[in-house]
All heavy atoms as atom14 arrays in JSON, in Angstrom:
{
  "sequence": "AMDFQGTMLAHGGNKSLIGKTMLGIKDNQG",
  "atom14_mask": [
    [1, 1, 1, 1, 1, 0, 0, 0, 0, 0, 0, 0, 0, 0],
    [1, 1, 1, 1, 1, 1, 1, 1, 0, 0, 0, 0, 0, 0],
    [1, 1, 1, 1, 1, 1, 1, 1, 0, 0, 0, 0, 0, 0],
    [1, 1, 1, 1, 1, 1, 1, 1, 1, 1, 1, 0, 0, 0],
    [1, 1, 1, 1, 1, 1, 1, 1, 1, 0, 0, 0, 0, 0],
    [1, 1, 1, 1, 0, 0, 0, 0, 0, 0, 0, 0, 0, 0],
    [1, 1, 1, 1, 1, 1, 1, 0, 0, 0, 0, 0, 0, 0],
    [1, 1, 1, 1, 1, 1, 1, 1, 0, 0, 0, 0, 0, 0],
    [1, 1, 1, 1, 1, 1, 1, 1, 0, 0, 0, 0, 0, 0],
    [1, 1, 1, 1, 1, 0, 0, 0, 0, 0, 0, 0, 0, 0],
    [1, 1, 1, 1, 1, 1, 1, 1, 1, 1, 0, 0, 0, 0],
    [1, 1, 1, 1, 0, 0, 0, 0, 0, 0, 0, 0, 0, 0],
    [1, 1, 1, 1, 0, 0, 0, 0, 0, 0, 0, 0, 0, 0],
    [1, 1, 1, 1, 1, 1, 1, 1, 0, 0, 0, 0, 0, 0],
    [1, 1, 1, 1, 1, 1, 1, 1, 1, 0, 0, 0, 0, 0],
    [1, 1, 1, 1, 1, 1, 0, 0, 0, 0, 0, 0, 0, 0],
    [1, 1, 1, 1, 1, 1, 1, 1, 0, 0, 0, 0, 0, 0],
    [1, 1, 1, 1, 1, 1, 1, 1, 0, 0, 0, 0, 0, 0],
    [1, 1, 1, 1, 0, 0, 0, 0, 0, 0, 0, 0, 0, 0],
    [1, 1, 1, 1, 1, 1, 1, 1, 1, 0, 0, 0, 0, 0],
    [1, 1, 1, 1, 1, 1, 1, 0, 0, 0, 0, 0, 0, 0],
    [1, 1, 1, 1, 1, 1, 1, 1, 0, 0, 0, 0, 0, 0],
    [1, 1, 1, 1, 1, 1, 1, 1, 0, 0, 0, 0, 0, 0],
    [1, 1, 1, 1, 0, 0, 0, 0, 0, 0, 0, 0, 0, 0],
    [1, 1, 1, 1, 1, 1, 1, 1, 0, 0, 0, 0, 0, 0],
    [1, 1, 1, 1, 1, 1, 1, 1, 1, 0, 0, 0, 0, 0],
    [1, 1, 1, 1, 1, 1, 1, 1, 0, 0, 0, 0, 0, 0],
    [1, 1, 1, 1, 1, 1, 1, 1, 0, 0, 0, 0, 0, 0],
    [1, 1, 1, 1, 1, 1, 1, 1, 1, 0, 0, 0, 0, 0],
    [1, 1, 1, 1, 0, 0, 0, 0, 0, 0, 0, 0, 0, 0]
  ],
  "atom14_positions": [
    [[-13.51, 9.56, -1.1], [-13.8, 10.94, -1.45], [-14.36, 11.67, -0.27], [-15.2, 11.13, 0.47], [-14.7, 11.0, -2.63], [0.0, 0.0, 0.0], [0.0, 0.0, 0.0], [0.0, 0.0, 0.0], [0.0, 0.0, 0.0], [0.0, 0.0, 0.0], [0.0, 0.0, 0.0], [0.0, 0.0, 0.0], [0.0, 0.0, 0.0], [0.0, 0.0, 0.0]],
    [[-13.91, 12.9, -0.08], [-14.39, 13.75, 1.05], [-14.56, 15.2, 0.54], [-13.75, 15.6, -0.37], [-13.33, 13.79, 2.17], [-13.55, 12.94, 3.29], [-12.21, 13.07, 4.55], [-12.08, 14.77, 4.96], [0.0, 0.0, 0.0], [0.0, 0.0, 0.0], [0.0, 0.0, 0.0], [0.0, 0.0, 0.0], [0.0, 0.0, 0.0], [0.0, 0.0, 0.0]],
    [[-15.48, 15.89, 1.09], [-15.58, 17.3, 0.81], [-14.74, 18.06, 1.82], [-14.17, 17.48, 2.78], [-17.02, 17.83, 0.74], [-17.74, 17.78, 2.05], [-17.13, 17.72, 3.14], [-18.97, 17.84, 1.99], [0.0, 0.0, 0.0], [0.0, 0.0, 0.0], [0.0, 0.0, 0.0], [0.0, 0.0, 0.0], [0.0, 0.0, 0.0], [0.0, 0.0, 0.0]],
    [[-14.57, 19.39, 1.61], [-13.67, 20.17, 2.49], [-14.28, 20.44, 3.86], [-13.56, 21.0, 4.72], [-13.26, 21.48, 1.77], [-12.19, 21.31, 0.73], [-11.67, 20.06, 0.41], [-11.72, 22.43, 0.04], [-10.74, 19.92, -0.56], [-10.74, 22.25, -0.94], [-10.23, 21.03, -1.23], [0.0, 0.0, 0.0], [0.0, 0.0, 0.0], [0.0, 0.0, 0.0]],
    [[-15.55, 20.09, 4.08], [-16.12, 20.18, 5.38], [-15.87, 18.91, 6.2], [-16.3, 18.78, 7.32], [-17.64, 20.45, 5.34], [-17.99, 21.84, 4.87], [-17.65, 22.1, 3.41], [-18.04, 21.3, 2.53], [-16.92, 23.15, 3.12], [0.0, 0.0, 0.0], [0.0, 0.0, 0.0], [0.0, 0.0, 0.0], [0.0, 0.0, 0.0], [0.0, 0.0, 0.0]],
    [[-15.18, 17.9, 5.54], [-14.87, 16.67, 6.22], [-15.89, 15.55, 6.09], [-15.78, 14.55, 6.74], [0.0, 0.0, 0.0], [0.0, 0.0, 0.0], [0.0, 0.0, 0.0], [0.0, 0.0, 0.0], [0.0, 0.0, 0.0], [0.0, 0.0, 0.0], [0.0, 0.0, 0.0], [0.0, 0.0, 0.0], [0.0, 0.0, 0.0], [0.0, 0.0, 0.0]],
    [[-16.92, 15.76, 5.25], [-17.93, 14.75, 5.06], [-17.46, 13.7, 4.09], [-16.99, 14.03, 2.97], [-19.24, 15.37, 4.55], [-19.67, 16.36, 5.46], [-20.34, 14.33, 4.4], [0.0, 0.0, 0.0], [0.0, 0.0, 0.0], [0.0, 0.0, 0.0], [0.0, 0.0, 0.0], [0.0, 0.0, 0.0], [0.0, 0.0, 0.0], [0.0, 0.0, 0.0]],
    [[-17.52, 12.46, 4.49], [-17.11, 11.34, 3.63], [-18.15, 11.14, 2.54], [-19.34, 10.92, 2.84], [-16.92, 10.05, 4.42], [-16.23, 8.94, 3.69], [-14.5, 9.29, 3.23], [-13.69, 9.29, 4.83], [0.0, 0.0, 0.0], [0.0, 0.0, 0.0], [0.0, 0.0, 0.0], [0.0, 0.0, 0.0], [0.0, 0.0, 0.0], [0.0, 0.0, 0.0]],
    [[-17.77, 11.23, 1.3], [-18.68, 11.15, 0.16], [-18.65, 9.72, -0.47], [-19.68, 9.27, -1.04], [-18.33, 12.13, -0.92], [-18.3, 13.62, -0.42], [-17.68, 14.5, -1.48], [-19.65, 14.06, 0.02], [0.0, 0.0, 0.0], [0.0, 0.0, 0.0], [0.0, 0.0, 0.0], [0.0, 0.0, 0.0], [0.0, 0.0, 0.0], [0.0, 0.0, 0.0]],
    [[-17.55, 9.05, -0.38], [-17.39, 7.69, -0.9], [-16.26, 7.04, -0.14], [-15.32, 7.67, 0.25], [-17.09, 7.69, -2.41], [0.0, 0.0, 0.0], [0.0, 0.0, 0.0], [0.0, 0.0, 0.0], [0.0, 0.0, 0.0], [0.0, 0.0, 0.0], [0.0, 0.0, 0.0], [0.0, 0.0, 0.0], [0.0, 0.0, 0.0], [0.0, 0.0, 0.0]],
    [[-16.39, 5.71, 0.08], [-15.32, 4.96, 0.8], [-15.41, 3.5, 0.42], [-16.29, 2.81, 0.86], [-15.5, 5.19, 2.31], [-14.26, 4.83, 3.07], [-13.85, 3.56, 3.28], [-13.34, 5.64, 3.67], [-12.72, 3.56, 3.96], [-12.42, 4.82, 4.23], [0.0, 0.0, 0.0], [0.0, 0.0, 0.0], [0.0, 0.0, 0.0], [0.0, 0.0, 0.0]],
    [[-14.44, 3.08, -0.4], [-14.43, 1.72, -0.85], [-14.06, 0.68, 0.21], [-14.23, -0.5, -0.02], [0.0, 0.0, 0.0], [0.0, 0.0, 0.0], [0.0, 0.0, 0.0], [0.0, 0.0, 0.0], [0.0, 0.0, 0.0], [0.0, 0.0, 0.0], [0.0, 0.0, 0.0], [0.0, 0.0, 0.0], [0.0, 0.0, 0.0], [0.0, 0.0, 0.0]],
    [[-13.58, 1.11, 1.36], [-13.21, 0.2, 2.4], [-14.21, 0.06, 3.54], [-14.17, -0.95, 4.26], [0.0, 0.0, 0.0], [0.0, 0.0, 0.0], [0.0, 0.0, 0.0], [0.0, 0.0, 0.0], [0.0, 0.0, 0.0], [0.0, 0.0, 0.0], [0.0, 0.0, 0.0], [0.0, 0.0, 0.0], [0.0, 0.0, 0.0], [0.0, 0.0, 0.0]],
    [[-15.11, 1.01, 3.71], [-16.05, 0.99, 4.8], [-17.23, 1.94, 4.48], [-17.19, 3.14, 4.74], [-15.39, 1.45, 6.08], [-16.28, 1.28, 7.27], [-17.47, 1.07, 7.19], [-15.66, 1.39, 8.44], [0.0, 0.0, 0.0], [0.0, 0.0, 0.0], [0.0, 0.0, 0.0], [0.0, 0.0, 0.0], [0.0, 0.0, 0.0], [0.0, 0.0, 0.0]],
    [[-18.26, 1.33, 3.91], [-19.44, 2.19, 3.47], [-20.16, 2.85, 4.64], [-20.84, 3.86, 4.44], [-20.47, 1.31, 2.72], [-19.99, 0.89, 1.36], [-21.13, 0.15, 0.65], [-20.64, -0.33, -0.71], [-21.7, -0.96, -1.48], [0.0, 0.0, 0.0], [0.0, 0.0, 0.0], [0.0, 0.0, 0.0], [0.0, 0.0, 0.0], [0.0, 0.0, 0.0]],
    [[-19.98, 2.36, 5.88], [-20.64, 2.97, 7.0], [-20.13, 4.36, 7.33], [-20.75, 5.15, 8.05], [-20.56, 2.08, 8.27], [-19.21, 2.09, 8.77], [0.0, 0.0, 0.0], [0.0, 0.0, 0.0], [0.0, 0.0, 0.0], [0.0, 0.0, 0.0], [0.0, 0.0, 0.0], [0.0, 0.0, 0.0], [0.0, 0.0, 0.0], [0.0, 0.0, 0.0]],
    [[-18.95, 4.75, 6.73], [-18.43, 6.09, 6.98], [-19.07, 7.13, 6.04], [-18.95, 8.32, 6.32], [-16.92, 6.06, 6.75], [-16.08, 5.16, 7.69], [-14.62, 5.21, 7.29], [-16.3, 5.57, 9.11], [0.0, 0.0, 0.0], [0.0, 0.0, 0.0], [0.0, 0.0, 0.0], [0.0, 0.0, 0.0], [0.0, 0.0, 0.0], [0.0, 0.0, 0.0]],
    [[-19.72, 6.71, 4.98], [-20.3, 7.64, 3.97], [-21.35, 8.51, 4.66], [-22.23, 8.02, 5.37], [-20.84, 6.86, 2.77], [-19.72, 6.13, 2.11], [-21.55, 7.83, 1.79], [-20.18, 5.09, 1.03], [0.0, 0.0, 0.0], [0.0, 0.0, 0.0], [0.0, 0.0, 0.0], [0.0, 0.0, 0.0], [0.0, 0.0, 0.0], [0.0, 0.0, 0.0]],
    [[-21.23, 9.81, 4.47], [-22.15, 10.78, 5.03], [-21.74, 11.29, 6.39], [-22.36, 12.26, 6.89], [0.0, 0.0, 0.0], [0.0, 0.0, 0.0], [0.0, 0.0, 0.0], [0.0, 0.0, 0.0], [0.0, 0.0, 0.0], [0.0, 0.0, 0.0], [0.0, 0.0, 0.0], [0.0, 0.0, 0.0], [0.0, 0.0, 0.0], [0.0, 0.0, 0.0]],
    [[-20.72, 10.72, 7.0], [-20.27, 11.14, 8.32], [-19.2, 12.22, 8.18], [-18.4, 12.24, 7.26], [-19.69, 9.92, 9.09], [-20.75, 8.93, 9.4], [-20.24, 7.89, 10.38], [-21.49, 7.01, 10.73], [-21.11, 5.79, 11.3], [0.0, 0.0, 0.0], [0.0, 0.0, 0.0], [0.0, 0.0, 0.0], [0.0, 0.0, 0.0], [0.0, 0.0, 0.0]],
    [[-19.23, 13.12, 9.17], [-18.17, 14.18, 9.25], [-17.01, 13.6, 10.01], [-17.19, 13.14, 11.14], [-18.71, 15.44, 9.92], [-19.85, 15.85, 9.16], [-17.66, 16.52, 9.93], [0.0, 0.0, 0.0], [0.0, 0.0, 0.0], [0.0, 0.0, 0.0], [0.0, 0.0, 0.0], [0.0, 0.0, 0.0], [0.0, 0.0, 0.0], [0.0, 0.0, 0.0]],
    [[-15.83, 13.63, 9.43], [-14.66, 12.96, 9.94], [-13.58, 13.88, 10.58], [-12.6, 13.34, 11.12], [-14.01, 12.16, 8.79], [-14.95, 11.31, 7.97], [-15.72, 9.99, 8.92], [-14.34, 8.87, 9.17], [0.0, 0.0, 0.0], [0.0, 0.0, 0.0], [0.0, 0.0, 0.0], [0.0, 0.0, 0.0], [0.0, 0.0, 0.0], [0.0, 0.0, 0.0]],
    [[-13.72, 15.18, 10.5], [-12.63, 16.1, 10.87], [-12.13, 15.93, 12.28], [-10.92, 16.11, 12.49], [-13.08, 17.55, 10.62], [-13.15, 17.95, 9.14], [-13.4, 19.43, 9.08], [-11.9, 17.59, 8.37], [0.0, 0.0, 0.0], [0.0, 0.0, 0.0], [0.0, 0.0, 0.0], [0.0, 0.0, 0.0], [0.0, 0.0, 0.0], [0.0, 0.0, 0.0]],
    [[-12.89, 15.62, 13.26], [-12.43, 15.54, 14.63], [-11.74, 14.22, 15.0], [-11.25, 14.09, 16.11], [0.0, 0.0, 0.0], [0.0, 0.0, 0.0], [0.0, 0.0, 0.0], [0.0, 0.0, 0.0], [0.0, 0.0, 0.0], [0.0, 0.0, 0.0], [0.0, 0.0, 0.0], [0.0, 0.0, 0.0], [0.0, 0.0, 0.0], [0.0, 0.0, 0.0]],
    [[-11.78, 13.26, 14.09], [-11.29, 11.91, 14.42], [-9.74, 11.91, 14.42], [-9.1, 12.49, 13.58], [-11.82, 10.89, 13.39], [-13.35, 10.79, 13.58], [-11.12, 9.54, 13.54], [-14.03, 9.9, 12.6], [0.0, 0.0, 0.0], [0.0, 0.0, 0.0], [0.0, 0.0, 0.0], [0.0, 0.0, 0.0], [0.0, 0.0, 0.0], [0.0, 0.0, 0.0]],
    [[-9.18, 11.26, 15.45], [-7.75, 11.12, 15.61], [-7.36, 9.64, 15.56], [-8.15, 8.81, 15.93], [-7.28, 11.7, 16.96], [-7.57, 13.19, 17.1], [-7.13, 13.64, 18.48], [-7.51, 15.09, 18.7], [-7.13, 15.6, 20.01], [0.0, 0.0, 0.0], [0.0, 0.0, 0.0], [0.0, 0.0, 0.0], [0.0, 0.0, 0.0], [0.0, 0.0, 0.0]],
    [[-6.15, 9.38, 15.09], [-5.66, 8.03, 15.14], [-5.09, 7.78, 16.54], [-5.14, 8.67, 17.43], [-4.66, 7.69, 14.02], [-3.28, 8.34, 14.17], [-3.06, 9.08, 15.18], [-2.45, 8.16, 13.3], [0.0, 0.0, 0.0], [0.0, 0.0, 0.0], [0.0, 0.0, 0.0], [0.0, 0.0, 0.0], [0.0, 0.0, 0.0], [0.0, 0.0, 0.0]],
    [[-4.53, 6.61, 16.77], [-4.04, 6.25, 18.1], [-2.78, 7.02, 18.51], [-2.34, 6.95, 19.63], [-3.78, 4.74, 18.18], [-2.65, 4.28, 17.29], [-2.39, 4.88, 16.25], [-2.0, 3.2, 17.65], [0.0, 0.0, 0.0], [0.0, 0.0, 0.0], [0.0, 0.0, 0.0], [0.0, 0.0, 0.0], [0.0, 0.0, 0.0], [0.0, 0.0, 0.0]],
    [[-2.24, 7.79, 17.58], [-1.11, 8.69, 17.85], [-1.54, 10.12, 18.1], [-0.67, 10.99, 18.24], [-0.1, 8.62, 16.72], [0.45, 7.24, 16.43], [1.38, 6.7, 17.56], [2.22, 7.42, 18.03], [1.11, 5.46, 17.94], [0.0, 0.0, 0.0], [0.0, 0.0, 0.0], [0.0, 0.0, 0.0], [0.0, 0.0, 0.0], [0.0, 0.0, 0.0]],
    [[-2.82, 10.36, 18.05], [-3.36, 11.7, 18.21], [-3.37, 12.55, 16.96], [-3.65, 13.8, 17.04], [0.0, 0.0, 0.0], [0.0, 0.0, 0.0], [0.0, 0.0, 0.0], [0.0, 0.0, 0.0], [0.0, 0.0, 0.0], [0.0, 0.0, 0.0], [0.0, 0.0, 0.0], [0.0, 0.0, 0.0], [0.0, 0.0, 0.0], [0.0, 0.0, 0.0]]
  ]
}
């Protein structure tokens, strides 16, 4: 789950992402 500001609210695969802003992150393809 994420809000529209890009903050991760819940993540069943990696709890360390919760609370982080994710919008600027790119995958290896850009």
